[in-house]
């Protein structure tokens, strides 16, 4: 009987080096949940040897997110006489294959020019902007679609609308492509009213709302509609501060007092949003008042996970953290501190196998 009990104890015991190896290969979300199993596992993130193994496994896994990955290169060449704009598709293991793309020309112009806004990796569609008009373009099918203006841009006539694009993506439930943006207004006054041939005293100012709003566009319906709730908006509207992953658009938001940093996530299928607080991942070694102004943060997808890359503007040391569970601040984990890197001007983004693109 004693032998049977001893044999059961032996078979139930996993040697530490084996459990160590297994844990280092787990996704971050699972590893975070297993911290409560025992004291030794709760201290794994403080073990430098374990973290080295975990980092290596994290960036070496081949993730389906990168299957058939291509890059879009947006290039403009300025001379004394003109500016030429071009789009190129880069493919191959080292993106060595380069094909020039023919831009859409929905307005039948001699030299069409577009600003690049965003790209949806699921539908292979690019979102371009020409002045205030958005255009969806699929380089593979050569199809393009001009997005109509929304009612918020023209009603009522005595306010001017400014739009801040926040992203677009695929709604897998409705089989639809959607665009979301933030709209805020300013008063048309003085010279603006003169252009409209309107006297100021004739304008019904008390009937005009200047409250900002959110609106969403559906390709299937070919129309905009107002969302019935308010969300924190993107800090600057920069494409580096937002990303799209698995049907959800994410962006970085900072509170007005600059004390709160949040990841805002909007689901295109159920049209709901939620927030995840972002902890300060750069030490405050240059003073609280200056630390925010002198830092940059890019949101990227690192091997299928949302990642934040932060650095001081006057250095080239990059702090890289990944998020394992949306809505849980504690699930942010700093994986790398890389640098300082000589001759680096700025970060572009992240590619396959954890490759980081820099200029």
Protein backbone atom coordinates (compact mmCIF):
# COMPACT_ATOMS: atom_id res chain seq x y z
CA UNK A 1 0.00 0.00 0.00
CA UNK A 2 2.88 2.37 0.93
CA UNK A 3 4.58 1.58 -2.39
CA UNK A 4 1.37 2.48 -4.29
CA UNK A 5 1.13 5.83 -2.51
CA UNK A 6 4.80 6.57 -3.18
CA UNK A 7 4.37 5.60 -6.84
CA UNK A 8 1.35 7.96 -7.16
CA UNK A 9 3.35 10.86 -5.66
CA UNK A 10 6.17 10.29 -8.11
CA UNK A 11 3.91 10.16 -11.14
CA UNK A 12 2.13 13.37 -10.07
CA UNK A 13 5.36 15.33 -9.70
CA UNK A 14 6.65 17.34 -12.68
CA UNK A 15 10.34 18.25 -12.45
CA UNK A 16 10.93 22.00 -12.23
CA UNK A 17 12.99 22.20 -15.43
CA UNK A 18 10.18 20.53 -17.42
CA UNK A 19 7.44 22.78 -15.99
CA UNK A 20 9.78 25.74 -16.57
CA UNK A 21 10.11 24.79 -20.25
CA UNK A 22 6.35 24.24 -20.67
CA UNK A 23 5.44 27.54 -19.03
CA UNK A 24 7.92 29.50 -21.16
CA UNK A 25 6.05 28.34 -24.29
CA UNK A 26 2.58 29.38 -23.12
CA UNK A 27 0.73 32.47 -24.35
CA UNK A 28 1.06 35.44 -22.00
CA UNK A 29 -2.66 35.33 -21.11
CA UNK A 30 -2.39 31.74 -19.84
CA UNK A 31 0.84 32.45 -18.00
CA UNK A 32 -0.72 35.41 -16.21
CA UNK A 33 -3.65 33.26 -15.06
CA UNK A 34 -1.30 30.56 -13.74
CA UNK A 35 0.49 33.00 -11.42
CA UNK A 36 -1.93 32.02 -8.64
CA UNK A 37 -1.05 28.28 -8.78
CA UNK A 38 1.97 28.51 -6.50
CA UNK A 39 4.48 31.01 -5.16
CA UNK A 40 7.24 29.92 -7.56
CA UNK A 41 5.00 30.55 -10.59
CA UNK A 42 3.94 33.96 -9.27
CA UNK A 43 7.60 35.04 -9.36
CA UNK A 44 8.37 33.85 -12.89
CA UNK A 45 8.25 37.37 -14.34
CA UNK A 46 11.05 38.33 -11.92
CA UNK A 47 13.23 35.40 -13.05
CA UNK A 48 15.64 36.73 -15.72
CA UNK A 49 16.43 33.23 -17.03
CA UNK A 50 12.74 32.41 -17.46
CA UNK A 51 11.99 35.76 -19.10
CA UNK A 52 14.80 35.21 -21.61
CA UNK A 53 13.27 31.85 -22.55
CA UNK A 54 9.77 33.34 -22.72
CA UNK A 55 10.88 36.25 -24.94
CA UNK A 56 12.66 33.90 -27.33
CA UNK A 57 9.61 31.66 -27.64
CA UNK A 58 7.25 34.64 -27.96
CA UNK A 59 8.94 36.18 -31.01
CA UNK A 60 9.97 32.91 -32.68
CA UNK A 61 6.45 31.50 -33.06
CA UNK A 62 5.00 31.75 -36.54
CA UNK A 63 1.62 33.44 -36.16
CA UNK A 64 -1.19 33.13 -38.75
CA UNK A 65 -1.61 36.91 -38.56
CA UNK A 66 1.45 37.19 -40.81
CA UNK A 67 0.46 34.65 -43.47
CA UNK A 68 1.20 36.06 -46.94
CA UNK A 69 2.20 39.39 -45.41
CA UNK A 70 2.87 42.28 -47.76
CA UNK A 71 3.84 45.86 -47.13
CA UNK A 72 2.42 48.97 -48.74
CA UNK A 73 5.10 51.59 -49.41
CA UNK A 74 3.79 55.13 -49.82
CA UNK A 75 6.44 57.27 -51.50
CA UNK A 76 6.50 60.87 -52.61
CA UNK A 77 9.32 62.63 -54.44
CA UNK A 78 9.49 66.42 -54.31
CA UNK A 79 11.39 68.46 -56.89
CA UNK A 80 11.57 72.19 -57.62
CA UNK A 81 8.73 71.84 -60.12
CA UNK A 82 6.41 69.11 -58.89
CA UNK A 83 5.63 66.35 -56.39
CA UNK A 84 5.16 62.75 -57.53
CA UNK A 85 3.29 60.22 -55.42
CA UNK A 86 3.50 56.44 -55.75
CA UNK A 87 2.27 53.29 -54.02
CA UNK A 88 4.30 50.07 -54.09
CA UNK A 89 3.46 46.55 -52.94
CA UNK A 90 6.41 44.83 -51.21
CA UNK A 91 6.34 41.05 -50.79
CA UNK A 92 8.68 38.14 -50.22
CA UNK A 93 10.52 36.88 -47.14
CA UNK A 94 12.59 40.08 -46.95
CA UNK A 95 10.06 42.18 -48.90
CA UNK A 96 12.44 42.15 -51.83
CA UNK A 97 9.70 42.02 -54.49
CA UNK A 98 8.45 45.49 -55.43
CA UNK A 99 5.47 46.21 -57.69
CA UNK A 100 4.15 49.69 -58.43
CA UNK A 101 0.39 50.03 -57.96
CA UNK A 102 -1.83 52.07 -60.25
CA UNK A 103 -3.75 54.55 -58.14
CA UNK A 104 -7.53 54.76 -58.55
CA UNK A 105 -8.83 57.81 -60.36
CA UNK A 106 -12.52 58.14 -59.44
CA UNK A 107 -12.48 61.88 -60.11
CA UNK A 108 -10.85 61.55 -63.56
CA UNK A 109 -7.94 63.84 -62.73
CA UNK A 110 -4.70 64.13 -64.63
CA UNK A 111 -2.48 63.57 -61.60
CA UNK A 112 -4.56 62.12 -58.74
CA UNK A 113 -3.12 62.57 -55.26
CA UNK A 114 -4.27 60.77 -52.12
CA UNK A 115 -3.20 60.71 -48.49
CA UNK A 116 -2.82 57.20 -47.13
CA UNK A 117 -5.08 56.74 -44.09
CA UNK A 118 -5.27 53.04 -43.18
CA UNK A 119 -5.39 49.45 -44.45
CA UNK A 120 -7.71 46.55 -43.64
CA UNK A 121 -5.69 43.33 -43.78
CA UNK A 122 -8.78 41.08 -43.95
CA UNK A 123 -10.44 42.60 -47.00
CA UNK A 124 -7.17 43.84 -48.53
CA UNK A 125 -8.68 47.32 -48.77
CA UNK A 126 -6.89 50.64 -48.37
CA UNK A 127 -8.54 53.78 -47.09
CA UNK A 128 -7.31 56.90 -48.88
CA UNK A 129 -8.20 60.54 -48.44
CA UNK A 130 -8.45 63.32 -51.00
CA UNK A 131 -8.97 66.61 -49.20
CA UNK A 132 -12.13 65.81 -47.15
CA UNK A 133 -13.29 62.83 -49.23
CA UNK A 134 -12.53 59.22 -48.23
CA UNK A 135 -11.96 56.57 -50.89
CA UNK A 136 -11.80 52.79 -50.34
CA UNK A 137 -9.48 51.02 -52.79
CA UNK A 138 -8.68 47.34 -53.31
CA UNK A 139 -5.39 47.10 -55.28
CA UNK A 140 -5.96 43.40 -56.04
CA UNK A 141 -9.33 43.90 -57.75
CA UNK A 142 -8.72 47.53 -58.86
CA UNK A 143 -12.08 48.44 -57.31
CA UNK A 144 -12.54 51.81 -55.63
CA UNK A 145 -15.44 53.42 -53.83
CA UNK A 146 -15.95 57.08 -52.98
CA UNK A 147 -17.45 57.45 -49.50
CA UNK A 148 -20.35 59.95 -49.46
CA UNK A 149 -20.33 62.84 -46.94
CA UNK A 150 -22.33 62.43 -43.77
CA UNK A 151 -25.24 64.68 -42.67
CA UNK A 152 -23.04 65.96 -39.84
CA UNK A 153 -20.78 67.65 -42.38
CA UNK A 154 -23.52 69.83 -43.84
CA UNK A 155 -26.38 70.21 -41.31
CA UNK A 156 -26.90 72.82 -39.95
CA UNK A 157 -25.08 75.25 -42.30
CA UNK A 158 -23.56 77.61 -39.70
CA UNK A 159 -21.00 75.29 -38.16
CA UNK A 160 -17.91 73.72 -39.66
CA UNK A 161 -17.25 70.01 -39.12
CA UNK A 162 -13.78 68.58 -38.58
CA UNK A 163 -13.44 64.80 -38.71
CA UNK A 164 -10.84 62.62 -37.05
CA UNK A 165 -10.51 59.17 -38.64
CA UNK A 166 -10.17 56.40 -36.05
CA UNK A 167 -10.10 53.28 -38.16
CA UNK A 168 -11.96 50.86 -40.33
CA UNK A 169 -12.31 47.12 -40.42
CA UNK A 170 -14.32 44.04 -41.21
CA UNK A 171 -17.59 43.11 -39.49
CA UNK A 172 -17.59 39.32 -39.84
CA UNK A 173 -21.22 38.98 -38.64
CA UNK A 174 -22.72 41.35 -41.23
CA UNK A 175 -20.00 40.68 -43.86
CA UNK A 176 -19.46 44.42 -44.00
CA UNK A 177 -16.65 46.95 -43.97
CA UNK A 178 -17.11 49.84 -41.57
CA UNK A 179 -15.39 53.16 -40.88
CA UNK A 180 -15.49 54.96 -37.55
CA UNK A 181 -14.59 58.60 -36.92
CA UNK A 182 -14.93 61.40 -34.41
CA UNK A 183 -16.60 64.67 -35.49
CA UNK A 184 -16.24 68.00 -33.73
CA UNK A 185 -17.53 71.42 -34.71
CA UNK A 186 -16.53 75.06 -34.65
CA UNK A 187 -18.64 78.16 -35.27
CA UNK A 188 -18.69 79.83 -38.66
CA UNK A 189 -18.39 83.54 -37.99
CA UNK A 190 -17.06 86.77 -39.49
CA UNK A 191 -15.67 86.18 -42.95
CA UNK A 192 -17.28 82.76 -43.14
CA UNK A 193 -20.74 84.26 -42.82
CA UNK A 194 -19.89 86.91 -45.40
CA UNK A 195 -19.02 84.16 -47.87
CA UNK A 196 -22.44 82.64 -47.20
CA UNK A 197 -24.00 86.09 -47.67
CA UNK A 198 -25.56 85.86 -44.20
CA UNK A 199 -25.78 88.48 -41.44
CA UNK A 200 -24.72 87.38 -37.97
CA UNK A 201 -27.97 88.56 -36.35
CA UNK A 202 -29.93 86.37 -38.76
CA UNK A 203 -28.24 83.16 -37.58
CA UNK A 204 -30.25 81.09 -35.01
CA UNK A 205 -27.20 80.47 -32.75
CA UNK A 206 -29.31 79.03 -29.92
CA UNK A 207 -30.54 76.23 -32.21
CA UNK A 208 -27.10 75.07 -33.34
CA UNK A 209 -25.39 72.25 -31.46
CA UNK A 210 -21.60 72.15 -31.25
CA UNK A 211 -21.46 68.92 -29.26
CA UNK A 212 -18.96 66.46 -30.80
CA UNK A 213 -20.22 63.08 -31.92
CA UNK A 214 -19.15 59.68 -33.21
CA UNK A 215 -20.38 58.29 -36.52
CA UNK A 216 -19.93 55.03 -38.36
CA UNK A 217 -20.11 54.22 -42.06
CA UNK A 218 -21.29 50.91 -43.55
CA UNK A 219 -20.29 49.83 -47.05
CA UNK A 220 -23.36 47.60 -47.27
CA UNK A 221 -25.71 50.49 -46.51
CA UNK A 222 -23.50 53.10 -48.18
CA UNK A 223 -24.38 55.59 -45.46
CA UNK A 224 -23.21 57.19 -42.22
CA UNK A 225 -25.11 57.10 -38.94
CA UNK A 226 -24.51 58.58 -35.53
CA UNK A 227 -23.52 56.33 -32.64
CA UNK A 228 -25.65 56.74 -29.53
CA UNK A 229 -22.74 56.95 -27.09
CA UNK A 230 -19.54 58.86 -26.53
CA UNK A 231 -16.05 57.37 -26.41
CA UNK A 232 -12.56 58.64 -25.53
CA UNK A 233 -11.00 59.73 -28.82
CA UNK A 234 -7.50 59.13 -30.15
CA UNK A 235 -4.82 61.40 -28.69
CA UNK A 236 -3.66 62.78 -32.04
CA UNK A 237 -5.31 60.76 -34.80
CA UNK A 238 -1.90 59.45 -35.86
CA UNK A 239 -1.96 56.02 -37.52
CA UNK A 240 0.88 54.96 -35.19
CA UNK A 241 -1.44 55.41 -32.20
CA UNK A 242 -4.16 53.08 -33.46
CA UNK A 243 -4.37 49.55 -34.85
CA UNK A 244 -6.85 46.95 -36.05
CA UNK A 245 -6.86 43.31 -34.95
CA UNK A 246 -9.48 40.54 -35.18
CA UNK A 247 -12.45 42.77 -35.90
CA UNK A 248 -11.59 45.33 -33.23
CA UNK A 249 -10.12 48.80 -33.74
CA UNK A 250 -7.84 50.09 -30.98
CA UNK A 251 -6.41 53.52 -30.26
CA UNK A 252 -4.46 55.31 -27.56
CA UNK A 253 -6.20 57.95 -25.43
CA UNK A 254 -4.73 60.36 -22.88
CA UNK A 255 -6.90 62.24 -20.39
CA UNK A 256 -6.87 66.04 -20.43
CA UNK A 257 -4.74 66.20 -17.26
CA UNK A 258 -2.35 63.69 -18.94
CA UNK A 259 -2.45 61.44 -15.87
CA UNK A 260 -4.48 58.64 -17.46
CA UNK A 261 -3.38 56.60 -20.48
CA UNK A 262 -5.92 54.17 -21.98
CA UNK A 263 -6.28 51.72 -24.81
CA UNK A 264 -9.77 52.20 -26.28
CA UNK A 265 -11.16 49.20 -28.19
CA UNK A 266 -14.17 49.35 -30.53
CA UNK A 267 -15.75 46.11 -31.81
CA UNK A 268 -17.11 46.52 -35.36
CA UNK A 269 -19.53 43.61 -35.01
CA UNK A 270 -21.45 44.57 -31.86
CA UNK A 271 -20.49 48.29 -32.09
CA UNK A 272 -19.50 48.46 -28.43
CA UNK A 273 -16.32 49.80 -26.84
CA UNK A 274 -14.27 49.16 -23.71
CA UNK A 275 -11.06 50.57 -22.26
CA UNK A 276 -7.83 49.15 -20.83
CA UNK A 277 -5.63 51.35 -18.69
CA UNK A 278 -2.01 51.54 -19.90
CA UNK A 279 0.56 51.68 -17.08
CA UNK A 280 3.50 54.05 -17.36
CA UNK A 281 6.22 51.82 -18.81
CA UNK A 282 9.00 54.43 -19.02
CA UNK A 283 10.63 55.54 -15.75
CA UNK A 284 10.00 59.15 -14.80
CA UNK A 285 13.66 60.12 -14.70
CA UNK A 286 13.26 63.57 -16.29
CA UNK A 287 10.47 65.06 -14.20
CA UNK A 288 6.73 64.46 -14.14
CA UNK A 289 5.83 67.63 -16.01
CA UNK A 290 8.14 66.93 -18.95
CA UNK A 291 7.93 63.15 -19.15
CA UNK A 292 4.78 63.03 -21.28
CA UNK A 293 5.85 65.72 -23.72
CA UNK A 294 9.14 64.00 -24.41
CA UNK A 295 7.80 60.50 -25.01
CA UNK A 296 6.28 58.67 -27.96
CA UNK A 297 4.11 55.56 -28.03
CA UNK A 298 3.29 53.33 -31.00
CA UNK A 299 0.61 50.65 -30.91
CA UNK A 300 1.60 47.60 -32.98
CA UNK A 301 0.74 43.92 -33.41
CA UNK A 302 3.62 41.75 -32.17
CA UNK A 303 3.15 38.10 -33.14
CA UNK A 304 -0.61 38.30 -32.85
CA UNK A 305 -0.70 40.35 -29.62
CA UNK A 306 -1.33 44.03 -29.02
CA UNK A 307 1.95 45.70 -28.09
CA UNK A 308 3.01 49.17 -27.00
CA UNK A 309 6.44 50.53 -27.97
CA UNK A 310 7.47 53.61 -25.98
CA UNK A 311 10.58 55.78 -25.99
CA UNK A 312 11.87 59.22 -25.10
CA UNK A 313 12.18 61.57 -28.04
CA UNK A 314 15.78 62.39 -27.15
CA UNK A 315 16.88 58.74 -26.96
CA UNK A 316 16.58 55.59 -29.07
CA UNK A 317 15.93 53.08 -26.30
CA UNK A 318 12.61 51.31 -26.93
CA UNK A 319 10.42 49.82 -24.17
CA UNK A 320 8.18 47.06 -25.54
CA UNK A 321 5.17 45.75 -23.59
CA UNK A 322 2.41 43.38 -24.73
CA UNK A 323 -1.18 43.00 -23.56
CA UNK A 324 -2.56 39.57 -22.77
CA UNK A 325 -6.19 40.44 -21.90
CA UNK A 326 -8.30 43.41 -22.94
CA UNK A 327 -9.76 45.38 -20.04
CA UNK A 328 -7.14 44.19 -17.54
CA UNK A 329 -4.42 46.74 -16.74
CA UNK A 330 -2.33 44.14 -14.89
CA UNK A 331 -2.05 42.00 -18.02
CA UNK A 332 0.40 44.46 -19.63
CA UNK A 333 3.88 42.93 -19.41
CA UNK A 334 7.14 44.60 -20.41
CA UNK A 335 9.09 42.09 -22.52
CA UNK A 336 11.99 44.07 -23.96
CA UNK A 337 14.10 47.15 -23.42
CA UNK A 338 16.06 47.58 -26.67
CA UNK A 339 18.78 50.13 -27.22
CA UNK A 340 20.15 52.66 -27.33
CA UNK A 341 20.38 52.21 -31.10
CA UNK A 342 22.76 54.45 -33.04
CA UNK A 343 21.70 56.37 -36.15
CA UNK A 344 18.00 55.64 -35.63
CA UNK A 345 15.57 58.44 -36.51
CA UNK A 346 12.21 56.83 -35.75
CA UNK A 347 10.22 53.59 -35.56
CA UNK A 348 7.90 52.56 -38.42
CA UNK A 349 6.22 49.37 -37.24
CA UNK A 350 6.49 45.62 -36.64
CA UNK A 351 6.62 42.75 -39.14
CA UNK A 352 6.96 38.99 -39.12
CA UNK A 353 8.88 37.11 -36.40
CA UNK A 354 9.06 40.18 -34.21
CA UNK A 355 11.02 42.24 -36.76
CA UNK A 356 10.86 45.95 -35.93
CA UNK A 357 11.16 48.41 -38.84
CA UNK A 358 13.15 51.58 -38.18
CA UNK A 359 14.47 54.51 -40.18
